[in-house]
All heavy atoms as atom14 arrays in JSON, in Angstrom:
{
  "sequence": "EEGYIKYSPYHGSTLTEKGLKEAQKITRKHRLLESFLSNVLRIGKD",
  "atom14_mask": [
    [1, 1, 1, 1, 1, 1, 1, 1, 1, 0, 0, 0, 0, 0],
    [1, 1, 1, 1, 1, 1, 1, 1, 1, 0, 0, 0, 0, 0],
    [1, 1, 1, 1, 0, 0, 0, 0, 0, 0, 0, 0, 0, 0],
    [1, 1, 1, 1, 1, 1, 1, 1, 1, 1, 1, 1, 0, 0],
    [1, 1, 1, 1, 1, 1, 1, 1, 0, 0, 0, 0, 0, 0],
    [1, 1, 1, 1, 1, 1, 1, 1, 1, 0, 0, 0, 0, 0],
    [1, 1, 1, 1, 1, 1, 1, 1, 1, 1, 1, 1, 0, 0],
    [1, 1, 1, 1, 1, 1, 0, 0, 0, 0, 0, 0, 0, 0],
    [1, 1, 1, 1, 1, 1, 1, 0, 0, 0, 0, 0, 0, 0],
    [1, 1, 1, 1, 1, 1, 1, 1, 1, 1, 1, 1, 0, 0],
    [1, 1, 1, 1, 1, 1, 1, 1, 1, 1, 0, 0, 0, 0],
    [1, 1, 1, 1, 0, 0, 0, 0, 0, 0, 0, 0, 0, 0],
    [1, 1, 1, 1, 1, 1, 0, 0, 0, 0, 0, 0, 0, 0],
    [1, 1, 1, 1, 1, 1, 1, 0, 0, 0, 0, 0, 0, 0],
    [1, 1, 1, 1, 1, 1, 1, 1, 0, 0, 0, 0, 0, 0],
    [1, 1, 1, 1, 1, 1, 1, 0, 0, 0, 0, 0, 0, 0],
    [1, 1, 1, 1, 1, 1, 1, 1, 1, 0, 0, 0, 0, 0],
    [1, 1, 1, 1, 1, 1, 1, 1, 1, 0, 0, 0, 0, 0],
    [1, 1, 1, 1, 0, 0, 0, 0, 0, 0, 0, 0, 0, 0],
    [1, 1, 1, 1, 1, 1, 1, 1, 0, 0, 0, 0, 0, 0],
    [1, 1, 1, 1, 1, 1, 1, 1, 1, 0, 0, 0, 0, 0],
    [1, 1, 1, 1, 1, 1, 1, 1, 1, 0, 0, 0, 0, 0],
    [1, 1, 1, 1, 1, 0, 0, 0, 0, 0, 0, 0, 0, 0],
    [1, 1, 1, 1, 1, 1, 1, 1, 1, 0, 0, 0, 0, 0],
    [1, 1, 1, 1, 1, 1, 1, 1, 1, 0, 0, 0, 0, 0],
    [1, 1, 1, 1, 1, 1, 1, 1, 0, 0, 0, 0, 0, 0],
    [1, 1, 1, 1, 1, 1, 1, 0, 0, 0, 0, 0, 0, 0],
    [1, 1, 1, 1, 1, 1, 1, 1, 1, 1, 1, 0, 0, 0],
    [1, 1, 1, 1, 1, 1, 1, 1, 1, 0, 0, 0, 0, 0],
    [1, 1, 1, 1, 1, 1, 1, 1, 1, 1, 0, 0, 0, 0],
    [1, 1, 1, 1, 1, 1, 1, 1, 1, 1, 1, 0, 0, 0],
    [1, 1, 1, 1, 1, 1, 1, 1, 0, 0, 0, 0, 0, 0],
    [1, 1, 1, 1, 1, 1, 1, 1, 0, 0, 0, 0, 0, 0],
    [1, 1, 1, 1, 1, 1, 1, 1, 1, 0, 0, 0, 0, 0],
    [1, 1, 1, 1, 1, 1, 0, 0, 0, 0, 0, 0, 0, 0],
    [1, 1, 1, 1, 1, 1, 1, 1, 1, 1, 1, 0, 0, 0],
    [1, 1, 1, 1, 1, 1, 1, 1, 0, 0, 0, 0, 0, 0],
    [1, 1, 1, 1, 1, 1, 0, 0, 0, 0, 0, 0, 0, 0],
    [1, 1, 1, 1, 1, 1, 1, 1, 0, 0, 0, 0, 0, 0],
    [1, 1, 1, 1, 1, 1, 1, 0, 0, 0, 0, 0, 0, 0],
    [1, 1, 1, 1, 1, 1, 1, 1, 0, 0, 0, 0, 0, 0],
    [1, 1, 1, 1, 1, 1, 1, 1, 1, 1, 1, 0, 0, 0],
    [1, 1, 1, 1, 1, 1, 1, 1, 0, 0, 0, 0, 0, 0],
    [1, 1, 1, 1, 0, 0, 0, 0, 0, 0, 0, 0, 0, 0],
    [1, 1, 1, 1, 1, 1, 1, 1, 1, 0, 0, 0, 0, 0],
    [1, 1, 1, 1, 1, 1, 1, 1, 0, 0, 0, 0, 0, 0]
  ],
  "atom14_positions": [
    [[83.93, 116.82, 72.78], [84.26, 117.67, 71.74], [85.73, 117.96, 71.49], [86.22, 118.09, 70.35], [83.59, 119.1, 71.99], [82.1, 119.04, 71.93], [81.47, 120.39, 72.39], [82.27, 121.23, 72.84], [80.27, 120.49, 72.35], [0.0, 0.0, 0.0], [0.0, 0.0, 0.0], [0.0, 0.0, 0.0], [0.0, 0.0, 0.0], [0.0, 0.0, 0.0]],
    [[86.55, 117.76, 72.57], [87.96, 118.03, 72.51], [88.7, 116.68, 72.18], [89.94, 116.71, 72.03], [88.49, 118.52, 73.84], [88.0, 119.87, 74.14], [88.43, 120.45, 75.49], [88.88, 119.56, 76.29], [88.2, 121.65, 75.76], [0.0, 0.0, 0.0], [0.0, 0.0, 0.0], [0.0, 0.0, 0.0], [0.0, 0.0, 0.0], [0.0, 0.0, 0.0]],
    [[87.89, 115.65, 72.0], [88.55, 114.32, 71.53], [89.12, 113.48, 72.69], [89.89, 112.53, 72.33], [0.0, 0.0, 0.0], [0.0, 0.0, 0.0], [0.0, 0.0, 0.0], [0.0, 0.0, 0.0], [0.0, 0.0, 0.0], [0.0, 0.0, 0.0], [0.0, 0.0, 0.0], [0.0, 0.0, 0.0], [0.0, 0.0, 0.0], [0.0, 0.0, 0.0]],
    [[88.83, 113.76, 73.92], [89.4, 112.9, 75.05], [88.6, 111.74, 75.44], [89.1, 110.8, 75.9], [89.61, 113.84, 76.32], [90.61, 114.89, 76.14], [90.38, 116.25, 76.04], [92.03, 114.52, 76.08], [91.36, 117.22, 75.93], [92.97, 115.46, 76.0], [92.68, 116.79, 75.85], [93.68, 117.74, 75.76], [0.0, 0.0, 0.0], [0.0, 0.0, 0.0]],
    [[87.35, 111.77, 75.17], [86.38, 110.66, 75.51], [85.38, 110.49, 74.4], [85.17, 111.34, 73.53], [85.68, 110.9, 76.8], [84.67, 112.06, 76.72], [86.61, 111.14, 77.98], [83.75, 112.17, 77.92], [0.0, 0.0, 0.0], [0.0, 0.0, 0.0], [0.0, 0.0, 0.0], [0.0, 0.0, 0.0], [0.0, 0.0, 0.0], [0.0, 0.0, 0.0]],
    [[84.73, 109.32, 74.45], [83.59, 108.99, 73.66], [82.4, 109.05, 74.59], [82.4, 108.24, 75.63], [83.69, 107.73, 72.95], [84.74, 107.6, 71.94], [84.9, 106.2, 71.3], [86.0, 106.13, 70.26], [86.19, 104.75, 69.69], [0.0, 0.0, 0.0], [0.0, 0.0, 0.0], [0.0, 0.0, 0.0], [0.0, 0.0, 0.0], [0.0, 0.0, 0.0]],
    [[81.47, 109.9, 74.36], [80.33, 110.11, 75.3], [79.04, 109.85, 74.65], [78.75, 110.26, 73.61], [80.37, 111.58, 75.92], [79.1, 111.89, 76.69], [78.88, 111.37, 77.92], [78.22, 112.76, 76.19], [77.77, 111.56, 78.62], [77.03, 113.06, 76.89], [76.86, 112.5, 78.09], [75.68, 112.78, 78.87], [0.0, 0.0, 0.0], [0.0, 0.0, 0.0]],
    [[78.25, 108.99, 75.33], [76.89, 108.63, 74.81], [75.88, 108.92, 75.87], [75.95, 108.37, 77.01], [76.86, 107.19, 74.48], [75.53, 106.79, 74.07], [0.0, 0.0, 0.0], [0.0, 0.0, 0.0], [0.0, 0.0, 0.0], [0.0, 0.0, 0.0], [0.0, 0.0, 0.0], [0.0, 0.0, 0.0], [0.0, 0.0, 0.0], [0.0, 0.0, 0.0]],
    [[74.99, 109.88, 75.73], [73.93, 110.25, 76.74], [73.22, 108.95, 77.23], [72.89, 108.12, 76.43], [73.02, 111.18, 76.0], [73.9, 111.76, 74.87], [74.84, 110.6, 74.51], [0.0, 0.0, 0.0], [0.0, 0.0, 0.0], [0.0, 0.0, 0.0], [0.0, 0.0, 0.0], [0.0, 0.0, 0.0], [0.0, 0.0, 0.0], [0.0, 0.0, 0.0]],
    [[73.02, 108.87, 78.54], [72.28, 107.86, 79.17], [72.98, 106.51, 79.14], [72.43, 105.4, 79.47], [70.8, 107.63, 78.61], [70.03, 108.9, 78.47], [69.77, 109.53, 77.32], [69.61, 109.61, 79.66], [69.12, 110.77, 77.25], [68.87, 110.76, 79.57], [68.71, 111.33, 78.38], [68.06, 112.57, 78.31], [0.0, 0.0, 0.0], [0.0, 0.0, 0.0]],
    [[74.18, 106.47, 78.65], [74.94, 105.2, 78.53], [76.25, 105.39, 79.32], [76.52, 104.6, 80.21], [75.2, 104.96, 77.04], [75.94, 103.62, 76.86], [75.42, 102.4, 77.36], [77.09, 103.23, 76.24], [76.15, 101.35, 77.08], [77.23, 101.87, 76.35], [0.0, 0.0, 0.0], [0.0, 0.0, 0.0], [0.0, 0.0, 0.0], [0.0, 0.0, 0.0]],
    [[77.1, 106.31, 78.91], [78.33, 106.5, 79.59], [79.5, 107.0, 78.74], [79.26, 107.39, 77.61], [0.0, 0.0, 0.0], [0.0, 0.0, 0.0], [0.0, 0.0, 0.0], [0.0, 0.0, 0.0], [0.0, 0.0, 0.0], [0.0, 0.0, 0.0], [0.0, 0.0, 0.0], [0.0, 0.0, 0.0], [0.0, 0.0, 0.0], [0.0, 0.0, 0.0]],
    [[80.71, 106.87, 79.26], [81.95, 107.41, 78.58], [83.01, 106.39, 78.55], [83.17, 105.57, 79.54], [82.37, 108.7, 79.3], [81.35, 109.6, 79.38], [0.0, 0.0, 0.0], [0.0, 0.0, 0.0], [0.0, 0.0, 0.0], [0.0, 0.0, 0.0], [0.0, 0.0, 0.0], [0.0, 0.0, 0.0], [0.0, 0.0, 0.0], [0.0, 0.0, 0.0]],
    [[83.81, 106.5, 77.49], [85.08, 105.7, 77.46], [86.19, 106.58, 77.0], [85.88, 107.63, 76.24], [84.98, 104.46, 76.47], [84.59, 104.9, 75.15], [84.02, 103.5, 76.94], [0.0, 0.0, 0.0], [0.0, 0.0, 0.0], [0.0, 0.0, 0.0], [0.0, 0.0, 0.0], [0.0, 0.0, 0.0], [0.0, 0.0, 0.0], [0.0, 0.0, 0.0]],
    [[87.35, 106.28, 77.33], [88.45, 107.15, 76.83], [88.9, 106.91, 75.48], [88.9, 105.71, 75.03], [89.72, 106.98, 77.8], [89.6, 107.36, 79.26], [90.74, 106.75, 80.1], [89.59, 108.85, 79.32], [0.0, 0.0, 0.0], [0.0, 0.0, 0.0], [0.0, 0.0, 0.0], [0.0, 0.0, 0.0], [0.0, 0.0, 0.0], [0.0, 0.0, 0.0]],
    [[89.21, 107.89, 74.72], [89.82, 107.75, 73.42], [91.31, 107.4, 73.71], [91.82, 107.54, 74.76], [89.61, 108.93, 72.54], [90.38, 110.12, 73.19], [88.24, 109.3, 72.4], [0.0, 0.0, 0.0], [0.0, 0.0, 0.0], [0.0, 0.0, 0.0], [0.0, 0.0, 0.0], [0.0, 0.0, 0.0], [0.0, 0.0, 0.0], [0.0, 0.0, 0.0]],
    [[92.05, 107.21, 72.54], [93.49, 106.99, 72.72], [94.11, 108.27, 73.24], [95.04, 108.28, 74.08], [94.1, 106.6, 71.38], [93.79, 105.16, 70.94], [94.31, 104.13, 71.91], [95.49, 104.26, 72.32], [93.53, 103.22, 72.25], [0.0, 0.0, 0.0], [0.0, 0.0, 0.0], [0.0, 0.0, 0.0], [0.0, 0.0, 0.0], [0.0, 0.0, 0.0]],
    [[93.65, 109.43, 72.75], [94.16, 110.74, 73.23], [93.85, 110.97, 74.71], [94.71, 111.31, 75.46], [93.49, 111.85, 72.44], [93.93, 113.33, 72.88], [93.17, 114.22, 72.03], [93.48, 115.74, 72.55], [92.69, 116.83, 71.75], [0.0, 0.0, 0.0], [0.0, 0.0, 0.0], [0.0, 0.0, 0.0], [0.0, 0.0, 0.0], [0.0, 0.0, 0.0]],
    [[92.67, 110.54, 75.13], [92.28, 110.67, 76.56], [93.0, 109.66, 77.39], [93.43, 110.03, 78.59], [0.0, 0.0, 0.0], [0.0, 0.0, 0.0], [0.0, 0.0, 0.0], [0.0, 0.0, 0.0], [0.0, 0.0, 0.0], [0.0, 0.0, 0.0], [0.0, 0.0, 0.0], [0.0, 0.0, 0.0], [0.0, 0.0, 0.0], [0.0, 0.0, 0.0]],
    [[93.2, 108.47, 76.86], [93.93, 107.47, 77.66], [95.35, 107.91, 77.93], [95.87, 107.66, 79.0], [93.92, 106.11, 76.91], [94.68, 105.0, 77.53], [94.04, 104.68, 78.88], [94.69, 103.75, 76.64], [0.0, 0.0, 0.0], [0.0, 0.0, 0.0], [0.0, 0.0, 0.0], [0.0, 0.0, 0.0], [0.0, 0.0, 0.0], [0.0, 0.0, 0.0]],
    [[96.01, 108.48, 76.88], [97.41, 108.99, 77.09], [97.52, 110.03, 78.3], [98.33, 109.9, 79.11], [97.83, 109.59, 75.84], [99.33, 109.98, 75.81], [99.72, 110.53, 74.41], [101.23, 110.84, 74.38], [102.06, 109.58, 74.42], [0.0, 0.0, 0.0], [0.0, 0.0, 0.0], [0.0, 0.0, 0.0], [0.0, 0.0, 0.0], [0.0, 0.0, 0.0]],
    [[96.61, 110.93, 78.26], [96.56, 112.0, 79.33], [96.24, 111.38, 80.69], [96.76, 111.76, 81.66], [95.65, 113.07, 78.95], [96.07, 113.92, 77.69], [97.39, 114.63, 77.87], [97.72, 114.91, 79.03], [98.06, 114.89, 76.95], [0.0, 0.0, 0.0], [0.0, 0.0, 0.0], [0.0, 0.0, 0.0], [0.0, 0.0, 0.0], [0.0, 0.0, 0.0]],
    [[95.21, 110.44, 80.7], [94.78, 109.9, 81.96], [95.86, 108.98, 82.56], [96.08, 109.03, 83.78], [93.52, 108.98, 81.69], [0.0, 0.0, 0.0], [0.0, 0.0, 0.0], [0.0, 0.0, 0.0], [0.0, 0.0, 0.0], [0.0, 0.0, 0.0], [0.0, 0.0, 0.0], [0.0, 0.0, 0.0], [0.0, 0.0, 0.0], [0.0, 0.0, 0.0]],
    [[96.59, 108.26, 81.76], [97.68, 107.43, 82.25], [98.86, 108.34, 82.76], [99.49, 108.02, 83.77], [98.26, 106.54, 81.12], [97.36, 105.38, 80.83], [97.92, 104.46, 79.78], [98.64, 104.83, 78.88], [97.64, 103.12, 79.92], [0.0, 0.0, 0.0], [0.0, 0.0, 0.0], [0.0, 0.0, 0.0], [0.0, 0.0, 0.0], [0.0, 0.0, 0.0]],
    [[99.03, 109.48, 82.14], [100.13, 110.4, 82.49], [99.89, 110.95, 83.95], [100.68, 110.86, 84.79], [100.22, 111.58, 81.46], [101.38, 112.49, 81.77], [102.71, 111.78, 81.48], [103.93, 112.76, 81.54], [105.15, 112.19, 81.27], [0.0, 0.0, 0.0], [0.0, 0.0, 0.0], [0.0, 0.0, 0.0], [0.0, 0.0, 0.0], [0.0, 0.0, 0.0]],
    [[98.63, 111.48, 84.07], [98.34, 112.1, 85.46], [98.12, 111.01, 86.56], [98.55, 111.26, 87.67], [97.08, 112.96, 85.34], [96.97, 113.9, 86.63], [95.81, 112.15, 85.13], [98.06, 114.87, 86.78], [0.0, 0.0, 0.0], [0.0, 0.0, 0.0], [0.0, 0.0, 0.0], [0.0, 0.0, 0.0], [0.0, 0.0, 0.0], [0.0, 0.0, 0.0]],
    [[97.67, 109.8, 86.12], [97.56, 108.8, 87.1], [98.96, 108.29, 87.49], [99.21, 107.98, 88.67], [96.71, 107.63, 86.52], [95.39, 108.04, 86.16], [96.69, 106.42, 87.47], [0.0, 0.0, 0.0], [0.0, 0.0, 0.0], [0.0, 0.0, 0.0], [0.0, 0.0, 0.0], [0.0, 0.0, 0.0], [0.0, 0.0, 0.0], [0.0, 0.0, 0.0]],
    [[99.86, 108.16, 86.6], [101.24, 107.79, 86.89], [101.87, 108.75, 87.88], [102.52, 108.29, 88.94], [102.11, 107.74, 85.62], [103.57, 107.48, 85.89], [104.31, 107.34, 84.52], [105.69, 107.43, 84.76], [106.47, 106.42, 85.23], [106.0, 105.28, 85.51], [107.8, 106.66, 85.33], [0.0, 0.0, 0.0], [0.0, 0.0, 0.0], [0.0, 0.0, 0.0]],
    [[101.68, 110.05, 87.65], [102.22, 111.01, 88.61], [101.6, 110.86, 90.0], [102.31, 110.91, 91.03], [102.06, 112.45, 88.01], [102.94, 112.74, 86.8], [102.67, 114.2, 86.28], [103.61, 114.49, 85.21], [103.42, 115.9, 84.73], [0.0, 0.0, 0.0], [0.0, 0.0, 0.0], [0.0, 0.0, 0.0], [0.0, 0.0, 0.0], [0.0, 0.0, 0.0]],
    [[100.32, 110.73, 90.0], [99.6, 110.49, 91.28], [100.2, 109.28, 92.02], [100.37, 109.4, 93.23], [98.12, 110.34, 91.01], [97.31, 110.13, 92.32], [96.75, 111.17, 92.97], [97.0, 108.94, 93.0], [96.11, 110.66, 94.11], [96.23, 109.33, 94.06], [0.0, 0.0, 0.0], [0.0, 0.0, 0.0], [0.0, 0.0, 0.0], [0.0, 0.0, 0.0]],
    [[100.27, 108.16, 91.43], [100.64, 106.98, 92.12], [102.18, 106.97, 92.43], [102.54, 106.37, 93.49], [100.28, 105.71, 91.28], [98.81, 105.62, 91.12], [98.35, 104.4, 90.27], [96.86, 104.46, 90.14], [96.22, 103.59, 89.35], [96.82, 102.75, 88.56], [94.83, 103.69, 89.34], [0.0, 0.0, 0.0], [0.0, 0.0, 0.0], [0.0, 0.0, 0.0]],
    [[103.0, 107.6, 91.71], [104.38, 107.78, 92.08], [104.49, 108.61, 93.33], [105.32, 108.35, 94.24], [105.16, 108.42, 90.9], [105.61, 107.5, 89.81], [106.22, 108.32, 88.67], [106.55, 106.35, 90.21], [0.0, 0.0, 0.0], [0.0, 0.0, 0.0], [0.0, 0.0, 0.0], [0.0, 0.0, 0.0], [0.0, 0.0, 0.0], [0.0, 0.0, 0.0]],
    [[103.7, 109.69, 93.31], [103.72, 110.52, 94.51], [103.21, 109.84, 95.69], [103.75, 109.99, 96.91], [102.82, 111.81, 94.24], [103.46, 112.87, 93.32], [102.39, 113.81, 92.8], [104.63, 113.53, 94.13], [0.0, 0.0, 0.0], [0.0, 0.0, 0.0], [0.0, 0.0, 0.0], [0.0, 0.0, 0.0], [0.0, 0.0, 0.0], [0.0, 0.0, 0.0]],
    [[102.23, 108.99, 95.57], [101.71, 108.23, 96.67], [102.85, 107.32, 97.22], [102.98, 107.16, 98.51], [100.5, 107.31, 96.3], [99.25, 108.16, 96.16], [98.01, 107.25, 96.04], [98.17, 106.04, 95.56], [96.96, 107.65, 96.32], [0.0, 0.0, 0.0], [0.0, 0.0, 0.0], [0.0, 0.0, 0.0], [0.0, 0.0, 0.0], [0.0, 0.0, 0.0]],
    [[103.59, 106.66, 96.35], [104.72, 105.83, 96.78], [105.81, 106.61, 97.55], [106.24, 106.14, 98.59], [105.31, 105.16, 95.54], [104.4, 104.27, 94.96], [0.0, 0.0, 0.0], [0.0, 0.0, 0.0], [0.0, 0.0, 0.0], [0.0, 0.0, 0.0], [0.0, 0.0, 0.0], [0.0, 0.0, 0.0], [0.0, 0.0, 0.0], [0.0, 0.0, 0.0]],
    [[106.0, 107.82, 97.04], [107.08, 108.64, 97.68], [106.56, 109.04, 99.03], [107.37, 108.98, 100.02], [107.33, 109.95, 96.79], [108.26, 110.95, 97.38], [109.62, 110.66, 97.53], [107.75, 112.09, 97.86], [110.4, 111.62, 98.13], [108.57, 113.1, 98.47], [109.91, 112.81, 98.56], [0.0, 0.0, 0.0], [0.0, 0.0, 0.0], [0.0, 0.0, 0.0]],
    [[105.39, 109.55, 99.1], [104.82, 110.1, 100.36], [104.74, 108.98, 101.45], [105.08, 109.22, 102.66], [103.47, 110.64, 100.2], [103.38, 111.99, 99.33], [101.92, 112.29, 98.91], [104.01, 113.15, 100.08], [0.0, 0.0, 0.0], [0.0, 0.0, 0.0], [0.0, 0.0, 0.0], [0.0, 0.0, 0.0], [0.0, 0.0, 0.0], [0.0, 0.0, 0.0]],
    [[104.38, 107.8, 100.96], [104.23, 106.67, 101.93], [105.48, 106.02, 102.33], [105.85, 105.78, 103.46], [103.28, 105.72, 101.37], [103.11, 104.53, 102.24], [0.0, 0.0, 0.0], [0.0, 0.0, 0.0], [0.0, 0.0, 0.0], [0.0, 0.0, 0.0], [0.0, 0.0, 0.0], [0.0, 0.0, 0.0], [0.0, 0.0, 0.0], [0.0, 0.0, 0.0]],
    [[106.32, 105.71, 101.24], [107.48, 104.87, 101.53], [108.75, 105.65, 101.94], [109.69, 105.12, 102.54], [107.85, 104.01, 100.28], [106.69, 103.05, 99.91], [105.94, 102.69, 100.79], [106.52, 102.77, 98.68], [0.0, 0.0, 0.0], [0.0, 0.0, 0.0], [0.0, 0.0, 0.0], [0.0, 0.0, 0.0], [0.0, 0.0, 0.0], [0.0, 0.0, 0.0]],
    [[108.81, 106.92, 101.49], [110.03, 107.77, 101.77], [109.77, 108.67, 102.95], [110.41, 108.75, 103.93], [110.45, 108.47, 100.52], [111.63, 109.42, 100.88], [110.79, 107.55, 99.46], [0.0, 0.0, 0.0], [0.0, 0.0, 0.0], [0.0, 0.0, 0.0], [0.0, 0.0, 0.0], [0.0, 0.0, 0.0], [0.0, 0.0, 0.0], [0.0, 0.0, 0.0]],
    [[108.59, 109.49, 102.85], [108.27, 110.43, 103.89], [107.53, 109.83, 105.02], [107.3, 110.41, 106.05], [107.44, 111.62, 103.28], [108.15, 112.34, 102.16], [107.35, 113.61, 101.8], [109.58, 112.81, 102.59], [0.0, 0.0, 0.0], [0.0, 0.0, 0.0], [0.0, 0.0, 0.0], [0.0, 0.0, 0.0], [0.0, 0.0, 0.0], [0.0, 0.0, 0.0]],
    [[107.03, 108.56, 104.85], [106.32, 107.82, 105.96], [104.99, 108.55, 106.34], [104.74, 108.5, 107.58], [107.24, 107.63, 107.1], [108.59, 106.85, 106.87], [108.26, 105.55, 106.3], [109.55, 104.8, 105.93], [109.53, 103.57, 105.41], [108.46, 103.01, 105.04], [110.74, 103.0, 105.16], [0.0, 0.0, 0.0], [0.0, 0.0, 0.0], [0.0, 0.0, 0.0]],
    [[104.35, 109.13, 105.46], [103.06, 109.78, 105.76], [102.0, 108.68, 105.74], [102.06, 107.73, 105.0], [102.73, 110.79, 104.65], [103.67, 112.01, 104.84], [101.26, 111.27, 104.8], [103.45, 113.08, 103.78], [0.0, 0.0, 0.0], [0.0, 0.0, 0.0], [0.0, 0.0, 0.0], [0.0, 0.0, 0.0], [0.0, 0.0, 0.0], [0.0, 0.0, 0.0]],
    [[101.08, 108.76, 106.65], [100.14, 107.69, 106.84], [99.26, 107.48, 105.62], [98.93, 108.43, 104.85], [0.0, 0.0, 0.0], [0.0, 0.0, 0.0], [0.0, 0.0, 0.0], [0.0, 0.0, 0.0], [0.0, 0.0, 0.0], [0.0, 0.0, 0.0], [0.0, 0.0, 0.0], [0.0, 0.0, 0.0], [0.0, 0.0, 0.0], [0.0, 0.0, 0.0]],
    [[98.93, 106.16, 105.36], [98.26, 105.78, 104.1], [96.85, 106.55, 104.02], [96.29, 106.54, 102.94], [98.13, 104.31, 104.02], [99.47, 103.64, 103.73], [99.26, 102.12, 103.51], [100.61, 101.52, 103.25], [100.47, 99.99, 102.97], [0.0, 0.0, 0.0], [0.0, 0.0, 0.0], [0.0, 0.0, 0.0], [0.0, 0.0, 0.0], [0.0, 0.0, 0.0]],
    [[96.31, 106.92, 105.16], [95.0, 107.53, 105.09], [95.19, 108.96, 104.63], [94.11, 109.63, 104.35], [94.43, 107.47, 106.48], [95.25, 108.27, 107.63], [96.52, 108.16, 107.42], [94.71, 108.85, 108.38], [0.0, 0.0, 0.0], [0.0, 0.0, 0.0], [0.0, 0.0, 0.0], [0.0, 0.0, 0.0], [0.0, 0.0, 0.0], [0.0, 0.0, 0.0]]
  ]
}
């Protein structure tokens, strides 16, 4: 309803362009943080 995904009951969901933009943004932050935590702070990969 908010325009982030295309949803079809009993079939599934795909991201709209609006949803993809937000998904990539939060995923980018997550993966950058993983790199920082692992490669700089040396926190275990687990």
